[in-house]
Every structure is written in C-alpha cells, then in structure tokens.
Amino acid sequence: MAEFKSKIKTIEWVDNYSKMVDQTKFPEHYEYVNITKGQEMFDAIKTMIVRGAPAIGIAGAHGVVLYAQELAAQNLSREDFIKNLLEKADYMVTARPTAVNLYWAVEKQKEIIKNSKSDIDGIISELKVNGKKLELEDIEINKKIGDYGAMVVPKGATILTHCNAGALATVGYGTALGVVRSAYANDPTIQVFADETRPRQQGARITTLELVMDGIPVTLITDGMCSYFMKKGMIDMVVVGADRIAANGDAANKIGTYTVAIAAKYHNIPFYVAAPLSTIDTNIKSGDEIVIEERSHEEVTMINGKTICAQGVNVINPGFDVTPHELITGIITEKGILKPDYKMSIAEVFKN
C-alpha cells in the first residue's frame, strides 16, 4: 500500500516545552506557540488552541511534564512533589471532560509518577520520555487506522466528514482524514465533502485547510446540506472521528455527527467512525454515561467577533452528541475494523 506524506505536525515536545499549532488562528494564520507552563497548557486545551481527542491527549501528557518542571523549582521533598504533581495531573483532565484520550494519556503519566523509583529529576526525565513515546506512537497508530480504513473506501469515492479528525486533531496524519490520506495515496480520484461544523467551524477552518495543504480535493458544504447531496448520490461514505466511544459502540463526536449518521442510515450510505483504541472507554456501558461538555454561548451567538442574533436570546451549546451504535457501520481502529455486535468486538479487541 502506498504511503501518504503529510506536511502537518500538530504538537511536539522540544527540550523543556511543548510546541503546537495555534488552531484558534485558522485560516488567516498558520503559526506555532510554545507552551511553557502547566496552566498555559490547561488553558490551551480549554480554549481549543489544541483540539481533537488524540492531540488533546498528547497535550495533557506534555502538561504533566510542565507542572513537574515547575514543582521541581520549589525545592519540595520527593513525597510532596509527587503528591502535588498527582493533584495537578487530575486538574489537567478537567480542561475538556468529554475526550477520553486526555484522561488516558494523563493516567499513563500518573502511572510513571506513582511507580518511579527515581529522584525528582529522574521522574521528570521519565515523564518526558513517555510523553515523546506517546507522541510518536500516535502517528503510527493513525497510519494503521488509515490503512485499515482505506480497504473499505470504494474506488473514486466521495467521502463526507464532519468536524476535523485530521492531522490537526492528532500529532499528525489523522484518524478520519488518515483514512482519506491512505485511500488517496492509492487512488487520487478520491475526494472529500467537508461539513463546515457549526458553531466553531472546524470543518471550514481546519479540515479544508489541511486537505488543501496536502493537495487532496475537498468541497465545503454547510451542516444542513448533507441529506441533499446524499439523495443526489454524491456521497459514497461517511467517515468521522470520535472523542469517546462506549463499550457498546455508542460514539460521542462533535455536535451534528448524530444528524449525519441518521441521514446516512436513511440513504443506505456506510457510516464509519475512525478512532484509536485509546478513545474507547470500556468503563462505560453506553453513550448515556458520556459527559457532554456545555460550551460558551458566544460560540453560537457570534461569528468572527460579530453578534448574529437578538441580544438576550436563550442559547444551549452542547459541544458533542452521541451517535447510537446501531447507526455505525464499523469502528476503524489500529487493530482493524470493529463490526457489530460492538459489545463483543470491543471486548475481544481489548482481550487481545
């Protein structure tokens, strides 16, 4: 299988800080920001300077290192250093409650803190090494997801995606757009339709940007247009990412994904979720247990700093919705494509 070379690297650890693309500046500017303190990382995750479940996970792992470096400067005893660092790690997870990858990556760092036999400098060194390891693993995992997903992409397909589950939602390559990249490497007639993804326009601002950067044909549509194009026979399959997948296969993703899944089911179009195993939360039985983040009302009432509605109007702004497992054709992971019955296939993949 041919390999696609992407130009994009979203986040990486450099010396004593985390370097990441500032995704709040798209599409006007493509620029990097250096995050040097734990609270800065918390804020970067909260305000979506870094976003996308896998990238948030790596950011969280880096954030634990940043907190460790700050605490090391306070001349604490090893015992107090560990106690304070574990508290800071737990705080980091609260920046974005829905994406399980953040919890998963921070837990990996907490295991090192709890189990290390080293002194304070040694613990910091181990955390850095692990953060870098998770970072490099993310790209390899995404490439595997892409290659498995490419196997179910028909020749010349038009793939609809929602939000951004691309290189810029991960360390590099992407999950849903990883499938696109791998398919495109073998068949350059593949193209993408991207939902704009209200209210933060990740599809318009980010998906279109990275696909144009990588030379993959992309057409931007508004969120309400997907059924129209499905009925016209212009969409062959849907591939989206996920922020958390329950043990039964219910998948939380950016708000509006559930609507796309319903439309795809009606039009007999395959609907795939592409996500690493770290996105699957086997501790929860169904999507009903997934905490849905309520975000700022200004995301809905304002576009580009301008108010678009009557002052004082009531707003509800859930950041995610949950697509029931019955609407999902397959979950594309680094270990292959999981199929219904998801309770069984998910349990099986974790057993192995």
Protein backbone atom coordinates (compact mmCIF):
# COMPACT_ATOMS: atom_id res chain seq x y z
CA MET A 1 0.00 0.00 0.00
CA ALA A 2 1.36 3.44 -0.98
CA GLU A 3 2.13 5.82 1.89
CA PHE A 4 0.87 9.41 2.00
CA LYS A 5 3.38 12.02 3.19
CA SER A 6 1.57 14.75 5.13
CA LYS A 7 3.18 18.16 5.72
CA ILE A 8 1.49 18.65 9.09
CA LYS A 9 2.85 18.15 12.65
CA THR A 10 0.41 19.48 15.23
CA ILE A 11 2.23 19.14 18.55
CA GLU A 12 5.70 18.07 19.71
CA TRP A 13 7.88 18.19 22.81
CA VAL A 14 11.01 20.34 22.33
CA ASP A 15 13.65 20.50 25.10
CA ASN A 16 11.62 21.85 28.07
CA TYR A 17 8.38 22.99 26.42
CA SER A 18 5.54 21.88 24.17
CA LYS A 19 5.33 23.37 20.68
CA MET A 20 1.94 23.33 18.95
CA VAL A 21 0.00 24.87 16.09
CA ASP A 22 -2.40 27.57 17.39
CA GLN A 23 -5.70 26.40 15.91
CA THR A 24 -7.64 29.47 17.03
CA LYS A 25 -5.79 31.49 14.34
CA PHE A 26 -7.01 29.46 11.33
CA PRO A 27 -7.46 30.09 8.47
CA GLU A 28 -5.79 33.52 8.46
CA HIS A 29 -2.59 32.36 10.17
CA TYR A 30 -0.74 29.06 10.48
CA GLU A 31 1.58 29.67 13.39
CA TYR A 32 3.16 27.83 16.30
CA VAL A 33 3.00 28.68 20.00
CA ASN A 34 5.34 27.45 22.75
CA ILE A 35 3.61 26.29 25.94
CA THR A 36 5.99 26.51 28.90
CA LYS A 37 3.74 26.18 31.99
CA GLY A 38 1.14 23.72 33.21
CA GLN A 39 -1.63 26.31 33.49
CA GLU A 40 -0.84 27.55 29.98
CA MET A 41 -1.41 24.00 28.74
CA PHE A 42 -4.68 23.70 30.66
CA ASP A 43 -5.82 26.97 29.03
CA ALA A 44 -4.61 25.86 25.58
CA ILE A 45 -6.75 22.71 25.86
CA LYS A 46 -9.74 24.60 27.31
CA THR A 47 -9.70 27.39 24.68
CA MET A 48 -9.01 24.93 21.84
CA ILE A 49 -5.59 26.25 20.82
CA VAL A 50 -5.05 22.48 20.66
CA ARG A 51 -8.10 20.31 19.87
CA GLY A 52 -9.07 16.87 18.62
CA ALA A 53 -9.14 13.97 21.08
CA PRO A 54 -5.73 12.38 20.27
CA ALA A 55 -3.92 15.77 20.18
CA ILE A 56 -5.55 16.76 23.48
CA GLY A 57 -4.25 13.53 24.99
CA ILE A 58 -0.67 14.30 23.99
CA ALA A 59 -1.10 17.89 25.20
CA GLY A 60 -2.21 16.54 28.58
CA ALA A 61 0.85 14.28 28.79
CA HIS A 62 3.07 17.27 27.98
CA GLY A 63 1.19 19.36 30.53
CA VAL A 64 2.07 16.93 33.33
CA VAL A 65 5.77 17.39 32.44
CA LEU A 66 5.38 21.18 32.53
CA TYR A 67 3.79 21.00 36.00
CA ALA A 68 6.60 18.68 37.13
CA GLN A 69 9.24 21.15 35.95
CA GLU A 70 7.53 24.00 37.84
CA LEU A 71 7.17 21.95 41.05
CA ALA A 72 10.83 20.87 40.86
CA ALA A 73 11.83 24.53 41.17
CA GLN A 74 10.04 24.80 44.54
CA ASN A 75 12.55 22.66 46.50
CA LEU A 76 9.84 20.28 47.73
CA SER A 77 10.55 16.90 49.27
CA ARG A 78 10.11 13.97 46.87
CA GLU A 79 6.92 12.97 48.73
CA ASP A 80 5.38 16.48 48.45
CA PHE A 81 6.50 16.76 44.82
CA ILE A 82 4.65 13.54 43.94
CA LYS A 83 1.53 14.48 45.94
CA ASN A 84 1.32 17.93 44.30
CA LEU A 85 2.06 16.58 40.83
CA LEU A 86 -0.69 13.95 41.01
CA GLU A 87 -3.15 16.70 42.06
CA LYS A 88 -2.05 18.86 39.10
CA ALA A 89 -2.44 15.88 36.76
CA ASP A 90 -6.02 15.33 37.96
CA TYR A 91 -6.73 19.04 37.44
CA MET A 92 -5.40 18.85 33.84
CA VAL A 93 -8.04 16.25 32.96
CA THR A 94 -10.86 18.70 33.82
CA ALA A 95 -9.92 21.03 30.93
CA ARG A 96 -12.09 19.03 28.47
CA PRO A 97 -14.30 16.38 30.12
CA THR A 98 -15.70 14.58 27.04
CA ALA A 99 -12.50 13.49 25.27
CA VAL A 100 -11.34 10.30 26.99
CA ASN A 101 -7.87 10.49 25.36
CA LEU A 102 -6.96 13.33 27.74
CA TYR A 103 -7.76 11.14 30.75
CA TRP A 104 -5.99 8.14 29.15
CA ALA A 105 -2.71 9.98 28.44
CA VAL A 106 -2.61 11.72 31.84
CA GLU A 107 -3.22 8.34 33.54
CA LYS A 108 -0.20 6.96 31.65
CA GLN A 109 1.90 9.77 33.14
CA LYS A 110 0.40 9.21 36.61
CA GLU A 111 1.45 5.54 36.46
CA ILE A 112 5.05 6.68 35.93
CA ILE A 113 4.84 9.17 38.82
CA LYS A 114 3.46 6.51 41.18
CA ASN A 115 5.80 3.70 40.14
CA SER A 116 9.09 5.54 39.62
CA LYS A 117 11.98 4.75 41.94
CA SER A 118 13.91 7.84 40.74
CA ASP A 119 14.56 11.18 42.40
CA ILE A 120 12.65 14.28 41.24
CA ASP A 121 14.90 14.93 38.23
CA GLY A 122 14.64 11.27 37.28
CA ILE A 123 10.83 11.35 37.42
CA ILE A 124 10.77 14.42 35.15
CA SER A 125 13.10 12.65 32.72
CA GLU A 126 10.87 9.55 32.67
CA LEU A 127 7.76 11.71 32.06
CA LYS A 128 9.47 13.46 29.13
CA VAL A 129 10.49 10.15 27.58
CA ASN A 130 6.95 8.78 27.95
CA GLY A 131 5.37 11.97 26.54
CA LYS A 132 7.62 11.72 23.47
CA LYS A 133 6.83 7.99 23.14
CA LEU A 134 3.07 8.65 23.18
CA GLU A 135 3.58 11.41 20.62
CA LEU A 136 5.43 9.15 18.14
CA GLU A 137 3.03 6.26 18.75
CA ASP A 138 0.10 8.49 17.83
CA ILE A 139 1.36 8.98 14.26
CA GLU A 140 2.00 5.24 13.79
CA ILE A 141 -1.46 4.41 15.19
CA ASN A 142 -3.09 6.89 12.81
CA LYS A 143 -1.29 5.41 9.81
CA LYS A 144 -2.58 1.95 10.77
CA ILE A 145 -6.12 3.35 11.15
CA GLY A 146 -5.73 4.96 7.72
CA ASP A 147 -4.55 1.77 6.06
CA TYR A 148 -7.35 -0.36 7.55
CA GLY A 149 -9.92 2.29 6.63
CA ALA A 150 -8.64 2.59 3.05
CA MET A 151 -9.63 -1.04 2.49
CA VAL A 152 -13.35 -0.16 2.68
CA VAL A 153 -13.17 3.02 0.57
CA PRO A 154 -14.63 2.37 -2.91
CA LYS A 155 -12.63 3.47 -5.96
CA GLY A 156 -13.31 7.11 -6.83
CA ALA A 157 -15.33 7.62 -3.63
CA THR A 158 -16.58 10.92 -2.30
CA ILE A 159 -16.18 10.81 1.49
CA LEU A 160 -18.22 13.08 3.77
CA THR A 161 -16.64 14.07 7.07
CA HIS A 162 -17.84 16.21 9.98
CA CYS A 163 -15.67 18.42 12.22
CA ASN A 164 -11.91 17.83 11.95
CA ALA A 165 -10.45 14.41 12.70
CA GLY A 166 -7.35 15.06 10.69
CA ALA A 167 -3.64 15.64 11.17
CA LEU A 168 -4.51 18.79 13.15
CA ALA A 169 -6.67 16.79 15.61
CA THR A 170 -3.79 14.40 16.26
CA VAL A 171 0.00 14.63 16.36
CA GLY A 172 -0.04 14.07 12.62
CA TYR A 173 -1.83 12.17 9.78
CA GLY A 174 -5.26 11.98 11.41
CA THR A 175 -7.97 9.41 12.12
CA ALA A 176 -10.92 10.07 9.76
CA LEU A 177 -8.64 12.09 7.46
CA GLY A 178 -5.97 9.43 7.98
CA VAL A 179 -8.39 7.10 6.17
CA VAL A 180 -8.72 9.73 3.44
CA ARG A 181 -4.92 10.15 3.15
CA SER A 182 -4.27 6.41 2.92
CA ALA A 183 -7.07 5.93 0.38
CA TYR A 184 -5.89 8.90 -1.69
CA ALA A 185 -2.30 7.59 -1.78
CA ASN A 186 -3.61 4.57 -3.74
CA ASP A 187 -6.43 6.27 -5.62
CA PRO A 188 -6.04 10.01 -6.44
CA THR A 189 -9.66 10.15 -7.68
CA ILE A 190 -10.81 10.12 -4.01
CA GLN A 191 -12.35 13.41 -2.83
CA VAL A 192 -13.86 14.84 0.34
CA PHE A 193 -17.02 16.78 1.19
CA ALA A 194 -16.45 18.64 4.48
CA ASP A 195 -19.30 19.87 6.69
CA GLU A 196 -18.49 23.39 7.97
CA THR A 197 -19.35 22.19 11.52
CA ARG A 198 -21.16 24.89 13.46
CA PRO A 199 -20.61 26.57 15.81
CA ARG A 200 -16.77 26.63 15.72
CA GLN A 201 -16.43 25.78 12.00
CA GLN A 202 -13.71 23.17 12.45
CA GLY A 203 -14.66 21.68 9.09
CA ALA A 204 -14.48 25.01 7.29
CA ARG A 205 -11.47 26.42 9.14
CA ILE A 206 -9.38 23.31 9.69
CA THR A 207 -10.40 20.31 7.53
CA THR A 208 -10.39 22.34 4.32
CA LEU A 209 -7.08 23.97 5.30
CA GLU A 210 -5.20 20.73 5.89
CA LEU A 211 -6.63 18.98 2.82
CA VAL A 212 -5.72 21.93 0.59
CA MET A 213 -2.23 21.95 2.18
CA ASP A 214 -1.86 18.25 1.33
CA GLY A 215 -3.35 18.59 -2.17
CA ILE A 216 -6.45 16.43 -1.59
CA PRO A 217 -9.64 17.64 -3.40
CA VAL A 218 -12.18 19.00 -0.90
CA THR A 219 -15.61 20.64 -1.26
CA LEU A 220 -17.03 22.67 1.65
CA ILE A 221 -20.74 22.34 2.45
CA THR A 222 -22.86 23.66 5.32
CA ASP A 223 -24.07 21.27 8.01
CA GLY A 224 -27.65 21.24 6.70
CA MET A 225 -26.69 20.14 3.17
CA CYS A 226 -25.60 16.53 3.75
CA SER A 227 -29.04 14.95 3.09
CA TYR A 228 -29.37 16.90 -0.16
CA PHE A 229 -26.10 15.53 -1.52
CA MET A 230 -26.80 12.02 -0.19
CA LYS A 231 -30.13 11.93 -2.05
CA LYS A 232 -28.37 13.07 -5.23
CA GLY A 233 -25.98 10.12 -4.94
CA MET A 234 -22.97 12.41 -4.47
CA ILE A 235 -21.78 10.91 -1.15
CA ASP A 236 -20.42 7.34 -1.11
CA MET A 237 -19.49 7.01 2.55
CA VAL A 238 -19.13 8.95 5.80
CA VAL A 239 -16.01 8.81 7.97
CA VAL A 240 -15.86 10.78 11.23
CA GLY A 241 -13.67 10.75 14.33
CA ALA A 242 -14.74 10.35 17.96
CA ASP A 243 -13.97 11.82 21.36
CA ARG A 244 -15.25 8.88 23.39
CA ILE A 245 -16.70 5.51 22.43
CA ALA A 246 -18.66 3.43 24.96
CA ALA A 247 -18.30 -0.34 25.45
CA ASN A 248 -21.42 -0.90 23.31
CA GLY A 249 -20.10 1.18 20.38
CA ASP A 250 -22.06 4.41 21.02
CA ALA A 251 -19.75 7.22 19.87
CA ALA A 252 -19.54 10.83 21.05
CA ASN A 253 -18.27 13.26 18.43
CA LYS A 254 -18.68 16.92 17.55
CA ILE A 255 -22.30 18.13 17.70
CA GLY A 256 -24.08 17.40 14.42
CA THR A 257 -22.49 13.98 13.86
CA TYR A 258 -25.65 12.17 15.04
CA THR A 259 -27.68 14.07 12.41
CA VAL A 260 -25.27 12.98 9.66
CA ALA A 261 -25.50 9.35 10.87
CA ILE A 262 -29.32 9.39 10.71
CA ALA A 263 -29.21 10.80 7.16
CA ALA A 264 -26.61 8.21 6.11
CA LYS A 265 -28.74 5.35 7.51
CA TYR A 266 -31.83 6.57 5.59
CA HIS A 267 -29.85 6.75 2.34
CA ASN A 268 -28.06 3.38 2.90
CA ILE A 269 -24.64 5.05 2.99
CA PRO A 270 -21.91 3.40 5.12
CA PHE A 271 -21.10 5.44 8.25
CA TYR A 272 -17.70 4.74 9.82
CA VAL A 273 -16.07 6.05 13.00
CA ALA A 274 -12.24 6.19 12.89
CA ALA A 275 -10.53 6.30 16.29
CA PRO A 276 -7.64 4.76 18.21
CA LEU A 277 -8.37 2.19 20.92
CA SER A 278 -7.47 4.88 23.49
CA THR A 279 -10.76 6.61 22.53
CA ILE A 280 -12.80 3.57 23.60
CA ASP A 281 -13.87 3.80 27.23
CA THR A 282 -14.67 0.25 28.33
CA ASN A 283 -15.63 1.58 31.78
CA ILE A 284 -18.92 2.93 30.46
CA LYS A 285 -21.66 0.67 29.12
CA SER A 286 -23.35 3.12 26.76
CA GLY A 287 -23.30 6.66 25.40
CA ASP A 288 -25.81 7.70 28.07
CA GLU A 289 -22.89 7.79 30.54
CA ILE A 290 -20.75 10.15 28.45
CA VAL A 291 -20.44 13.63 29.98
CA ILE A 292 -21.31 16.17 27.29
CA GLU A 293 -19.40 19.43 27.59
CA GLU A 294 -21.54 22.58 27.59
CA ARG A 295 -19.58 25.35 25.89
CA SER A 296 -19.74 29.15 25.83
CA HIS A 297 -22.93 30.69 24.43
CA GLU A 298 -20.83 33.18 22.47
CA GLU A 299 -19.72 30.37 20.16
CA VAL A 300 -23.32 30.31 18.88
CA THR A 301 -24.27 33.99 19.15
CA MET A 302 -21.13 35.38 17.50
CA ILE A 303 -19.18 34.74 14.29
CA ASN A 304 -15.78 36.39 13.80
CA GLY A 305 -16.43 38.71 16.75
CA LYS A 306 -19.83 39.92 15.45
CA THR A 307 -23.18 39.14 17.08
CA ILE A 308 -25.54 37.34 14.68
CA CYS A 309 -28.75 37.24 16.76
CA ALA A 310 -31.03 39.26 19.03
CA GLN A 311 -29.46 40.36 22.32
CA GLY A 312 -30.54 38.27 25.31
CA VAL A 313 -31.74 35.25 23.32
CA ASN A 314 -31.54 31.94 25.18
CA VAL A 315 -28.79 29.60 23.95
CA ILE A 316 -27.90 25.96 24.61
CA ASN A 317 -24.50 24.87 23.29
CA PRO A 318 -23.56 21.21 23.82
CA GLY A 319 -20.14 20.57 22.27
CA PHE A 320 -20.89 16.94 21.33
CA ASP A 321 -23.66 14.48 20.56
CA VAL A 322 -23.72 10.69 20.78
CA THR A 323 -24.32 8.53 17.70
CA PRO A 324 -26.02 5.24 18.73
CA HIS A 325 -24.10 2.11 17.75
CA GLU A 326 -26.96 0.90 15.53
CA LEU A 327 -26.13 3.69 13.06
CA ILE A 328 -22.40 2.83 12.83
CA THR A 329 -21.23 0.51 10.03
CA GLY A 330 -17.80 -0.04 11.58
CA ILE A 331 -15.27 1.43 14.01
CA ILE A 332 -11.87 1.74 12.31
CA THR A 333 -9.02 1.23 14.81
CA GLU A 334 -5.30 0.50 14.67
CA LYS A 335 -6.16 -3.19 15.26
CA GLY A 336 -8.64 -3.42 12.38
CA ILE A 337 -12.28 -2.55 11.72
CA LEU A 338 -14.63 -3.49 14.57
CA LYS A 339 -18.11 -4.59 13.46
CA PRO A 340 -21.42 -5.16 15.27
CA ASP A 341 -22.08 -6.68 17.78
CA TYR A 342 -19.81 -3.95 19.23
CA LYS A 343 -20.08 -5.20 22.80
CA MET A 344 -18.42 -8.41 21.60
CA SER A 345 -15.93 -6.96 19.08
CA ILE A 346 -14.77 -4.23 21.51
CA ALA A 347 -14.39 -6.71 24.37
CA GLU A 348 -12.49 -9.05 22.04
CA VAL A 349 -10.00 -6.42 20.81
CA PHE A 350 -9.17 -5.40 24.40
CA LYS A 351 -8.81 -9.04 25.46
CA ASN A 352 -6.13 -9.45 22.79
